[in-house]
All heavy atoms as atom14 arrays in JSON, in Angstrom:
{
  "sequence": "ALPFFLTVSCLAIARFEVPTTRWASPAGRRLLGALPSRDDLTSVAV",
  "atom14_mask": [
    [1, 1, 1, 1, 1, 0, 0, 0, 0, 0, 0, 0, 0, 0],
    [1, 1, 1, 1, 1, 1, 1, 1, 0, 0, 0, 0, 0, 0],
    [1, 1, 1, 1, 1, 1, 1, 0, 0, 0, 0, 0, 0, 0],
    [1, 1, 1, 1, 1, 1, 1, 1, 1, 1, 1, 0, 0, 0],
    [1, 1, 1, 1, 1, 1, 1, 1, 1, 1, 1, 0, 0, 0],
    [1, 1, 1, 1, 1, 1, 1, 1, 0, 0, 0, 0, 0, 0],
    [1, 1, 1, 1, 1, 1, 1, 0, 0, 0, 0, 0, 0, 0],
    [1, 1, 1, 1, 1, 1, 1, 0, 0, 0, 0, 0, 0, 0],
    [1, 1, 1, 1, 1, 1, 0, 0, 0, 0, 0, 0, 0, 0],
    [1, 1, 1, 1, 1, 1, 0, 0, 0, 0, 0, 0, 0, 0],
    [1, 1, 1, 1, 1, 1, 1, 1, 0, 0, 0, 0, 0, 0],
    [1, 1, 1, 1, 1, 0, 0, 0, 0, 0, 0, 0, 0, 0],
    [1, 1, 1, 1, 1, 1, 1, 1, 0, 0, 0, 0, 0, 0],
    [1, 1, 1, 1, 1, 0, 0, 0, 0, 0, 0, 0, 0, 0],
    [1, 1, 1, 1, 1, 1, 1, 1, 1, 1, 1, 0, 0, 0],
    [1, 1, 1, 1, 1, 1, 1, 1, 1, 1, 1, 0, 0, 0],
    [1, 1, 1, 1, 1, 1, 1, 1, 1, 0, 0, 0, 0, 0],
    [1, 1, 1, 1, 1, 1, 1, 0, 0, 0, 0, 0, 0, 0],
    [1, 1, 1, 1, 1, 1, 1, 0, 0, 0, 0, 0, 0, 0],
    [1, 1, 1, 1, 1, 1, 1, 0, 0, 0, 0, 0, 0, 0],
    [1, 1, 1, 1, 1, 1, 1, 0, 0, 0, 0, 0, 0, 0],
    [1, 1, 1, 1, 1, 1, 1, 1, 1, 1, 1, 0, 0, 0],
    [1, 1, 1, 1, 1, 1, 1, 1, 1, 1, 1, 1, 1, 1],
    [1, 1, 1, 1, 1, 0, 0, 0, 0, 0, 0, 0, 0, 0],
    [1, 1, 1, 1, 1, 1, 0, 0, 0, 0, 0, 0, 0, 0],
    [1, 1, 1, 1, 1, 1, 1, 0, 0, 0, 0, 0, 0, 0],
    [1, 1, 1, 1, 1, 0, 0, 0, 0, 0, 0, 0, 0, 0],
    [1, 1, 1, 1, 0, 0, 0, 0, 0, 0, 0, 0, 0, 0],
    [1, 1, 1, 1, 1, 1, 1, 1, 1, 1, 1, 0, 0, 0],
    [1, 1, 1, 1, 1, 1, 1, 1, 1, 1, 1, 0, 0, 0],
    [1, 1, 1, 1, 1, 1, 1, 1, 0, 0, 0, 0, 0, 0],
    [1, 1, 1, 1, 1, 1, 1, 1, 0, 0, 0, 0, 0, 0],
    [1, 1, 1, 1, 0, 0, 0, 0, 0, 0, 0, 0, 0, 0],
    [1, 1, 1, 1, 1, 0, 0, 0, 0, 0, 0, 0, 0, 0],
    [1, 1, 1, 1, 1, 1, 1, 1, 0, 0, 0, 0, 0, 0],
    [1, 1, 1, 1, 1, 1, 1, 0, 0, 0, 0, 0, 0, 0],
    [1, 1, 1, 1, 1, 1, 0, 0, 0, 0, 0, 0, 0, 0],
    [1, 1, 1, 1, 1, 1, 1, 1, 1, 1, 1, 0, 0, 0],
    [1, 1, 1, 1, 1, 1, 1, 1, 0, 0, 0, 0, 0, 0],
    [1, 1, 1, 1, 1, 1, 1, 1, 0, 0, 0, 0, 0, 0],
    [1, 1, 1, 1, 1, 1, 1, 1, 0, 0, 0, 0, 0, 0],
    [1, 1, 1, 1, 1, 1, 1, 0, 0, 0, 0, 0, 0, 0],
    [1, 1, 1, 1, 1, 1, 0, 0, 0, 0, 0, 0, 0, 0],
    [1, 1, 1, 1, 1, 1, 1, 0, 0, 0, 0, 0, 0, 0],
    [1, 1, 1, 1, 1, 0, 0, 0, 0, 0, 0, 0, 0, 0],
    [1, 1, 1, 1, 1, 1, 1, 0, 0, 0, 0, 0, 0, 0]
  ],
  "atom14_positions": [
    [[-9.25, -22.73, -0.02], [-9.01, -21.31, -0.23], [-7.68, -21.07, -0.95], [-7.52, -20.05, -1.63], [-9.03, -20.57, 1.11], [0.0, 0.0, 0.0], [0.0, 0.0, 0.0], [0.0, 0.0, 0.0], [0.0, 0.0, 0.0], [0.0, 0.0, 0.0], [0.0, 0.0, 0.0], [0.0, 0.0, 0.0], [0.0, 0.0, 0.0], [0.0, 0.0, 0.0]],
    [[-6.75, -22.01, -0.8], [-5.43, -21.84, -1.43], [-5.52, -21.86, -2.96], [-5.05, -20.93, -3.63], [-4.46, -22.9, -0.92], [-4.19, -22.85, 0.6], [-3.28, -24.0, 1.02], [-3.59, -21.51, 1.0], [0.0, 0.0, 0.0], [0.0, 0.0, 0.0], [0.0, 0.0, 0.0], [0.0, 0.0, 0.0], [0.0, 0.0, 0.0], [0.0, 0.0, 0.0]],
    [[-6.1, -22.9, -3.6], [-6.22, -22.86, -5.07], [-7.15, -21.74, -5.55], [-6.94, -21.18, -6.63], [-6.76, -24.24, -5.43], [-7.39, -24.77, -4.17], [-6.56, -24.2, -3.06], [0.0, 0.0, 0.0], [0.0, 0.0, 0.0], [0.0, 0.0, 0.0], [0.0, 0.0, 0.0], [0.0, 0.0, 0.0], [0.0, 0.0, 0.0], [0.0, 0.0, 0.0]],
    [[-8.15, -21.41, -4.74], [-9.03, -20.3, -5.13], [-8.26, -18.98, -5.14], [-8.39, -18.17, -6.07], [-10.22, -20.22, -4.19], [-11.18, -19.1, -4.53], [-12.04, -19.22, -5.61], [-11.2, -17.94, -3.77], [-12.91, -18.18, -5.94], [-12.07, -16.91, -4.09], [-12.92, -17.02, -5.17], [0.0, 0.0, 0.0], [0.0, 0.0, 0.0], [0.0, 0.0, 0.0]],
    [[-7.43, -18.76, -4.13], [-6.61, -17.55, -4.09], [-5.65, -17.51, -5.26], [-5.38, -16.44, -5.83], [-5.84, -17.49, -2.77], [-4.94, -16.3, -2.65], [-5.44, -15.04, -2.38], [-3.57, -16.45, -2.82], [-4.6, -13.94, -2.28], [-2.72, -15.36, -2.72], [-3.24, -14.1, -2.44], [0.0, 0.0, 0.0], [0.0, 0.0, 0.0], [0.0, 0.0, 0.0]],
    [[-5.13, -18.66, -5.66], [-4.21, -18.72, -6.8], [-4.9, -18.26, -8.09], [-4.35, -17.45, -8.85], [-3.68, -20.15, -6.97], [-2.81, -20.41, -8.21], [-1.54, -19.57, -8.17], [-2.47, -21.9, -8.31], [0.0, 0.0, 0.0], [0.0, 0.0, 0.0], [0.0, 0.0, 0.0], [0.0, 0.0, 0.0], [0.0, 0.0, 0.0], [0.0, 0.0, 0.0]],
    [[-6.11, -18.75, -8.32], [-6.81, -18.37, -9.55], [-7.19, -16.89, -9.55], [-7.02, -16.2, -10.56], [-8.08, -19.23, -9.72], [-8.91, -19.09, -8.55], [-7.73, -20.69, -9.92], [0.0, 0.0, 0.0], [0.0, 0.0, 0.0], [0.0, 0.0, 0.0], [0.0, 0.0, 0.0], [0.0, 0.0, 0.0], [0.0, 0.0, 0.0], [0.0, 0.0, 0.0]],
    [[-7.68, -16.4, -8.43], [-8.07, -14.99, -8.35], [-6.85, -14.08, -8.51], [-6.9, -13.06, -9.21], [-8.79, -14.7, -7.02], [-9.04, -13.21, -6.85], [-10.11, -15.47, -6.97], [0.0, 0.0, 0.0], [0.0, 0.0, 0.0], [0.0, 0.0, 0.0], [0.0, 0.0, 0.0], [0.0, 0.0, 0.0], [0.0, 0.0, 0.0], [0.0, 0.0, 0.0]],
    [[-5.73, -14.45, -7.9], [-4.51, -13.65, -8.02], [-4.0, -13.64, -9.45], [-3.55, -12.6, -9.96], [-3.43, -14.2, -7.08], [-3.86, -14.16, -5.74], [0.0, 0.0, 0.0], [0.0, 0.0, 0.0], [0.0, 0.0, 0.0], [0.0, 0.0, 0.0], [0.0, 0.0, 0.0], [0.0, 0.0, 0.0], [0.0, 0.0, 0.0], [0.0, 0.0, 0.0]],
    [[-4.07, -14.78, -10.11], [-3.62, -14.86, -11.5], [-4.46, -13.97, -12.4], [-3.93, -13.26, -13.26], [-3.68, -16.31, -11.96], [-2.91, -16.61, -13.56], [0.0, 0.0, 0.0], [0.0, 0.0, 0.0], [0.0, 0.0, 0.0], [0.0, 0.0, 0.0], [0.0, 0.0, 0.0], [0.0, 0.0, 0.0], [0.0, 0.0, 0.0], [0.0, 0.0, 0.0]],
    [[-5.76, -13.96, -12.19], [-6.63, -13.09, -12.99], [-6.34, -11.62, -12.71], [-6.36, -10.8, -13.63], [-8.09, -13.41, -12.68], [-8.65, -14.71, -13.26], [-10.06, -14.96, -12.75], [-8.64, -14.68, -14.78], [0.0, 0.0, 0.0], [0.0, 0.0, 0.0], [0.0, 0.0, 0.0], [0.0, 0.0, 0.0], [0.0, 0.0, 0.0], [0.0, 0.0, 0.0]],
    [[-6.08, -11.28, -11.44], [-5.79, -9.9, -11.09], [-4.5, -9.42, -11.74], [-4.41, -8.3, -12.26], [-5.72, -9.75, -9.58], [0.0, 0.0, 0.0], [0.0, 0.0, 0.0], [0.0, 0.0, 0.0], [0.0, 0.0, 0.0], [0.0, 0.0, 0.0], [0.0, 0.0, 0.0], [0.0, 0.0, 0.0], [0.0, 0.0, 0.0], [0.0, 0.0, 0.0]],
    [[-3.47, -10.26, -11.72], [-2.19, -9.89, -12.34], [-2.35, -9.79, -13.85], [-1.83, -8.86, -14.49], [-1.12, -10.92, -11.97], [-0.84, -10.86, -10.46], [0.16, -10.67, -12.75], [0.09, -11.95, -9.96], [0.0, 0.0, 0.0], [0.0, 0.0, 0.0], [0.0, 0.0, 0.0], [0.0, 0.0, 0.0], [0.0, 0.0, 0.0], [0.0, 0.0, 0.0]],
    [[-3.08, -10.73, -14.44], [-3.25, -10.73, -15.89], [-4.0, -9.5, -16.37], [-3.79, -9.03, -17.5], [-4.0, -11.99, -16.33], [0.0, 0.0, 0.0], [0.0, 0.0, 0.0], [0.0, 0.0, 0.0], [0.0, 0.0, 0.0], [0.0, 0.0, 0.0], [0.0, 0.0, 0.0], [0.0, 0.0, 0.0], [0.0, 0.0, 0.0], [0.0, 0.0, 0.0]],
    [[-4.84, -8.95, -15.54], [-5.6, -7.76, -15.91], [-4.68, -6.58, -16.23], [-5.0, -5.74, -17.07], [-6.56, -7.37, -14.79], [-7.43, -6.17, -15.1], [-8.41, -5.91, -13.98], [-9.24, -4.75, -14.26], [-10.34, -4.77, -14.98], [-10.75, -5.91, -15.49], [-11.04, -3.67, -15.2], [0.0, 0.0, 0.0], [0.0, 0.0, 0.0], [0.0, 0.0, 0.0]],
    [[-3.52, -6.54, -15.58], [-2.6, -5.42, -15.79], [-1.41, -5.78, -16.68], [-0.73, -4.89, -17.19], [-2.07, -4.92, -14.43], [-3.15, -4.4, -13.52], [-3.68, -5.21, -12.52], [-3.65, -3.13, -13.68], [-4.68, -4.73, -11.68], [-4.65, -2.65, -12.85], [-5.16, -3.45, -11.85], [0.0, 0.0, 0.0], [0.0, 0.0, 0.0], [0.0, 0.0, 0.0]],
    [[-1.14, -7.07, -16.85], [0.08, -7.47, -17.54], [-0.13, -7.98, -18.96], [0.83, -8.07, -19.71], [0.79, -8.56, -16.72], [1.26, -8.09, -15.36], [2.31, -7.0, -15.45], [3.04, -6.97, -16.44], [2.37, -6.17, -14.51], [0.0, 0.0, 0.0], [0.0, 0.0, 0.0], [0.0, 0.0, 0.0], [0.0, 0.0, 0.0], [0.0, 0.0, 0.0]],
    [[-1.34, -8.34, -19.34], [-1.57, -8.88, -20.68], [-2.57, -7.99, -21.39], [-3.31, -7.23, -20.76], [-2.09, -10.33, -20.63], [-1.1, -11.23, -19.93], [-3.45, -10.42, -19.96], [0.0, 0.0, 0.0], [0.0, 0.0, 0.0], [0.0, 0.0, 0.0], [0.0, 0.0, 0.0], [0.0, 0.0, 0.0], [0.0, 0.0, 0.0], [0.0, 0.0, 0.0]],
    [[-2.62, -8.04, -22.74], [-3.56, -7.2, -23.49], [-5.0, -7.48, -23.08], [-5.41, -8.63, -22.94], [-3.3, -7.62, -24.94], [-1.92, -8.16, -24.96], [-1.73, -8.82, -23.63], [0.0, 0.0, 0.0], [0.0, 0.0, 0.0], [0.0, 0.0, 0.0], [0.0, 0.0, 0.0], [0.0, 0.0, 0.0], [0.0, 0.0, 0.0], [0.0, 0.0, 0.0]],
    [[-5.76, -6.41, -22.87], [-7.16, -6.56, -22.51], [-8.08, -6.17, -23.66], [-9.29, -6.17, -23.48], [-7.48, -5.69, -21.28], [-7.12, -4.33, -21.55], [-6.7, -6.18, -20.07], [0.0, 0.0, 0.0], [0.0, 0.0, 0.0], [0.0, 0.0, 0.0], [0.0, 0.0, 0.0], [0.0, 0.0, 0.0], [0.0, 0.0, 0.0], [0.0, 0.0, 0.0]],
    [[-7.51, -5.82, -24.79], [-8.31, -5.5, -25.97], [-7.93, -6.43, -27.1], [-6.85, -7.03, -27.1], [-8.08, -4.04, -26.42], [-6.71, -3.87, -26.79], [-8.42, -3.07, -25.29], [0.0, 0.0, 0.0], [0.0, 0.0, 0.0], [0.0, 0.0, 0.0], [0.0, 0.0, 0.0], [0.0, 0.0, 0.0], [0.0, 0.0, 0.0], [0.0, 0.0, 0.0]],
    [[-8.78, -6.51, -28.08], [-8.54, -7.45, -29.17], [-7.41, -7.01, -30.08], [-6.73, -7.84, -30.68], [-9.84, -7.61, -29.97], [-9.73, -8.63, -31.08], [-11.03, -8.74, -31.85], [-10.94, -9.74, -32.9], [-11.89, -9.99, -33.79], [-13.01, -9.31, -33.73], [-11.74, -10.92, -34.7], [0.0, 0.0, 0.0], [0.0, 0.0, 0.0], [0.0, 0.0, 0.0]],
    [[-7.21, -5.71, -30.21], [-6.29, -5.23, -31.24], [-4.98, -4.67, -30.69], [-3.91, -4.99, -31.2], [-6.98, -4.16, -32.1], [-8.3, -4.59, -32.63], [-9.54, -4.14, -32.26], [-8.54, -5.6, -33.62], [-10.51, -4.79, -32.95], [-9.94, -5.7, -33.8], [-7.71, -6.43, -34.37], [-10.51, -6.59, -34.71], [-8.28, -7.31, -35.28], [-9.66, -7.39, -35.43]],
    [[-5.03, -3.8, -29.69], [-3.84, -3.09, -29.23], [-3.15, -3.84, -28.09], [-3.79, -4.32, -27.17], [-4.2, -1.67, -28.78], [0.0, 0.0, 0.0], [0.0, 0.0, 0.0], [0.0, 0.0, 0.0], [0.0, 0.0, 0.0], [0.0, 0.0, 0.0], [0.0, 0.0, 0.0], [0.0, 0.0, 0.0], [0.0, 0.0, 0.0], [0.0, 0.0, 0.0]],
    [[-1.81, -3.9, -28.17], [-1.02, -4.41, -27.05], [-0.92, -3.31, -25.99], [-1.34, -2.17, -26.21], [0.38, -4.77, -27.56], [1.09, -3.59, -27.92], [0.0, 0.0, 0.0], [0.0, 0.0, 0.0], [0.0, 0.0, 0.0], [0.0, 0.0, 0.0], [0.0, 0.0, 0.0], [0.0, 0.0, 0.0], [0.0, 0.0, 0.0], [0.0, 0.0, 0.0]],
    [[-0.36, -3.62, -24.81], [-0.19, -2.55, -23.81], [0.6, -1.36, -24.34], [0.26, -0.21, -24.04], [0.55, -3.27, -22.67], [0.09, -4.69, -22.78], [-0.06, -4.95, -24.25], [0.0, 0.0, 0.0], [0.0, 0.0, 0.0], [0.0, 0.0, 0.0], [0.0, 0.0, 0.0], [0.0, 0.0, 0.0], [0.0, 0.0, 0.0], [0.0, 0.0, 0.0]],
    [[1.64, -1.61, -25.13], [2.39, -0.5, -25.72], [1.53, 0.29, -26.69], [1.61, 1.53, -26.75], [3.65, -1.03, -26.42], [0.0, 0.0, 0.0], [0.0, 0.0, 0.0], [0.0, 0.0, 0.0], [0.0, 0.0, 0.0], [0.0, 0.0, 0.0], [0.0, 0.0, 0.0], [0.0, 0.0, 0.0], [0.0, 0.0, 0.0], [0.0, 0.0, 0.0]],
    [[0.72, -0.41, -27.47], [-0.18, 0.28, -28.39], [-1.19, 1.13, -27.68], [-1.52, 2.25, -28.1], [0.0, 0.0, 0.0], [0.0, 0.0, 0.0], [0.0, 0.0, 0.0], [0.0, 0.0, 0.0], [0.0, 0.0, 0.0], [0.0, 0.0, 0.0], [0.0, 0.0, 0.0], [0.0, 0.0, 0.0], [0.0, 0.0, 0.0], [0.0, 0.0, 0.0]],
    [[-1.71, 0.63, -26.54], [-2.67, 1.42, -25.77], [-2.02, 2.67, -25.18], [-2.65, 3.72, -25.09], [-3.28, 0.57, -24.65], [-4.14, -0.58, -25.14], [-5.1, -1.05, -24.07], [-4.42, -1.37, -22.84], [-3.84, -2.55, -22.57], [-3.84, -3.49, -23.5], [-3.26, -2.77, -21.41], [0.0, 0.0, 0.0], [0.0, 0.0, 0.0], [0.0, 0.0, 0.0]],
    [[-0.76, 2.57, -24.8], [-0.07, 3.75, -24.27], [0.08, 4.83, -25.35], [-0.1, 6.02, -25.08], [1.29, 3.36, -23.71], [1.22, 2.59, -22.4], [2.58, 2.52, -21.74], [3.51, 1.69, -22.51], [3.65, 0.39, -22.34], [2.91, -0.25, -21.43], [4.52, -0.3, -23.05], [0.0, 0.0, 0.0], [0.0, 0.0, 0.0], [0.0, 0.0, 0.0]],
    [[0.42, 4.41, -26.56], [0.53, 5.4, -27.65], [-0.82, 5.99, -28.01], [-0.92, 7.17, -28.35], [1.18, 4.75, -28.88], [2.67, 4.39, -28.76], [3.18, 3.82, -30.07], [3.48, 5.62, -28.37], [0.0, 0.0, 0.0], [0.0, 0.0, 0.0], [0.0, 0.0, 0.0], [0.0, 0.0, 0.0], [0.0, 0.0, 0.0], [0.0, 0.0, 0.0]],
    [[-1.87, 5.18, -27.94], [-3.21, 5.71, -28.19], [-3.59, 6.75, -27.15], [-4.21, 7.76, -27.47], [-4.23, 4.57, -28.18], [-4.33, 3.71, -29.43], [-5.29, 2.55, -29.19], [-4.8, 4.53, -30.62], [0.0, 0.0, 0.0], [0.0, 0.0, 0.0], [0.0, 0.0, 0.0], [0.0, 0.0, 0.0], [0.0, 0.0, 0.0], [0.0, 0.0, 0.0]],
    [[-3.21, 6.5, -25.91], [-3.52, 7.46, -24.86], [-2.82, 8.78, -25.03], [-3.3, 9.82, -24.57], [0.0, 0.0, 0.0], [0.0, 0.0, 0.0], [0.0, 0.0, 0.0], [0.0, 0.0, 0.0], [0.0, 0.0, 0.0], [0.0, 0.0, 0.0], [0.0, 0.0, 0.0], [0.0, 0.0, 0.0], [0.0, 0.0, 0.0], [0.0, 0.0, 0.0]],
    [[-1.65, 8.76, -25.7], [-0.89, 9.99, -25.92], [-1.24, 10.67, -27.23], [-0.67, 11.71, -27.56], [0.61, 9.69, -25.89], [0.0, 0.0, 0.0], [0.0, 0.0, 0.0], [0.0, 0.0, 0.0], [0.0, 0.0, 0.0], [0.0, 0.0, 0.0], [0.0, 0.0, 0.0], [0.0, 0.0, 0.0], [0.0, 0.0, 0.0], [0.0, 0.0, 0.0]],
    [[-2.17, 10.09, -27.99], [-2.51, 10.64, -29.29], [-3.41, 11.86, -29.13], [-4.49, 11.76, -28.55], [-3.21, 9.58, -30.14], [-3.53, 9.95, -31.59], [-2.24, 10.03, -32.4], [-4.46, 8.91, -32.21], [0.0, 0.0, 0.0], [0.0, 0.0, 0.0], [0.0, 0.0, 0.0], [0.0, 0.0, 0.0], [0.0, 0.0, 0.0], [0.0, 0.0, 0.0]],
    [[-3.01, 13.02, -29.63], [-3.88, 14.2, -29.51], [-5.05, 14.11, -30.49], [-4.9, 13.61, -31.61], [-2.95, 15.37, -29.88], [-1.91, 14.76, -30.77], [-1.73, 13.33, -30.3], [0.0, 0.0, 0.0], [0.0, 0.0, 0.0], [0.0, 0.0, 0.0], [0.0, 0.0, 0.0], [0.0, 0.0, 0.0], [0.0, 0.0, 0.0], [0.0, 0.0, 0.0]],
    [[-6.19, 14.59, -30.06], [-7.38, 14.6, -30.92], [-7.34, 15.87, -31.77], [-7.92, 16.9, -31.43], [-8.65, 14.54, -30.08], [-9.79, 14.5, -30.9], [0.0, 0.0, 0.0], [0.0, 0.0, 0.0], [0.0, 0.0, 0.0], [0.0, 0.0, 0.0], [0.0, 0.0, 0.0], [0.0, 0.0, 0.0], [0.0, 0.0, 0.0], [0.0, 0.0, 0.0]],
    [[-6.64, 15.77, -32.9], [-6.4, 16.96, -33.72], [-7.62, 17.38, -34.52], [-7.86, 18.55, -34.75], [-5.21, 16.71, -34.66], [-3.89, 16.49, -33.95], [-2.78, 16.32, -34.94], [-2.96, 15.12, -35.74], [-2.45, 13.95, -35.45], [-1.76, 13.81, -34.33], [-2.63, 12.9, -36.23], [0.0, 0.0, 0.0], [0.0, 0.0, 0.0], [0.0, 0.0, 0.0]],
    [[-8.39, 16.41, -35.02], [-9.53, 16.74, -35.87], [-10.56, 15.64, -35.74], [-10.41, 14.7, -34.95], [-9.09, 16.91, -37.33], [-8.24, 15.74, -37.81], [-8.51, 14.6, -37.39], [-7.32, 15.95, -38.61], [0.0, 0.0, 0.0], [0.0, 0.0, 0.0], [0.0, 0.0, 0.0], [0.0, 0.0, 0.0], [0.0, 0.0, 0.0], [0.0, 0.0, 0.0]],
    [[-11.64, 15.77, -36.52], [-12.71, 14.79, -36.4], [-12.32, 13.42, -36.93], [-12.81, 12.4, -36.46], [-13.97, 15.31, -37.1], [-13.7, 15.69, -38.55], [-12.51, 15.74, -38.93], [-14.67, 15.94, -39.29], [0.0, 0.0, 0.0], [0.0, 0.0, 0.0], [0.0, 0.0, 0.0], [0.0, 0.0, 0.0], [0.0, 0.0, 0.0], [0.0, 0.0, 0.0]],
    [[-11.41, 13.36, -37.91], [-10.96, 12.06, -38.4], [-10.2, 11.3, -37.32], [-10.35, 10.09, -37.17], [-10.08, 12.23, -39.64], [-10.79, 12.35, -40.99], [-9.77, 12.49, -42.11], [-11.69, 11.16, -41.25], [0.0, 0.0, 0.0], [0.0, 0.0, 0.0], [0.0, 0.0, 0.0], [0.0, 0.0, 0.0], [0.0, 0.0, 0.0], [0.0, 0.0, 0.0]],
    [[-9.38, 12.01, -36.57], [-8.67, 11.38, -35.46], [-9.65, 10.9, -34.4], [-9.5, 9.8, -33.84], [-7.67, 12.36, -34.84], [-6.78, 12.85, -35.84], [-6.85, 11.68, -33.75], [0.0, 0.0, 0.0], [0.0, 0.0, 0.0], [0.0, 0.0, 0.0], [0.0, 0.0, 0.0], [0.0, 0.0, 0.0], [0.0, 0.0, 0.0], [0.0, 0.0, 0.0]],
    [[-10.68, 11.69, -34.14], [-11.69, 11.28, -33.16], [-12.4, 10.03, -33.61], [-12.67, 9.13, -32.81], [-12.69, 12.42, -32.94], [-12.06, 13.57, -32.42], [0.0, 0.0, 0.0], [0.0, 0.0, 0.0], [0.0, 0.0, 0.0], [0.0, 0.0, 0.0], [0.0, 0.0, 0.0], [0.0, 0.0, 0.0], [0.0, 0.0, 0.0], [0.0, 0.0, 0.0]],
    [[-12.72, 9.94, -34.9], [-13.38, 8.75, -35.42], [-12.44, 7.55, -35.34], [-12.86, 6.43, -35.02], [-13.86, 8.98, -36.87], [-14.35, 7.68, -37.5], [-14.95, 10.03, -36.9], [0.0, 0.0, 0.0], [0.0, 0.0, 0.0], [0.0, 0.0, 0.0], [0.0, 0.0, 0.0], [0.0, 0.0, 0.0], [0.0, 0.0, 0.0], [0.0, 0.0, 0.0]],
    [[-11.16, 7.77, -35.64], [-10.19, 6.68, -35.59], [-10.11, 6.08, -34.19], [-9.99, 4.87, -34.02], [-8.81, 7.18, -36.03], [0.0, 0.0, 0.0], [0.0, 0.0, 0.0], [0.0, 0.0, 0.0], [0.0, 0.0, 0.0], [0.0, 0.0, 0.0], [0.0, 0.0, 0.0], [0.0, 0.0, 0.0], [0.0, 0.0, 0.0], [0.0, 0.0, 0.0]],
    [[-10.19, 6.93, -33.16], [-10.02, 6.47, -31.79], [-11.34, 6.03, -31.17], [-11.42, 5.02, -30.47], [-9.36, 7.57, -30.94], [-9.28, 7.15, -29.47], [-7.96, 7.88, -31.46], [0.0, 0.0, 0.0], [0.0, 0.0, 0.0], [0.0, 0.0, 0.0], [0.0, 0.0, 0.0], [0.0, 0.0, 0.0], [0.0, 0.0, 0.0], [0.0, 0.0, 0.0]]
  ]
}
């Protein structure tokens, strides 16, 4: 159970600490979340 707990814990931490998308880093995702949907081009971009 000890090595199993290590692997599961590592995956859980990595889920929040490393990029989970192919393109945006965590900082990039935060800026995307703050981007207002001004028009249809912005909606398509996001």
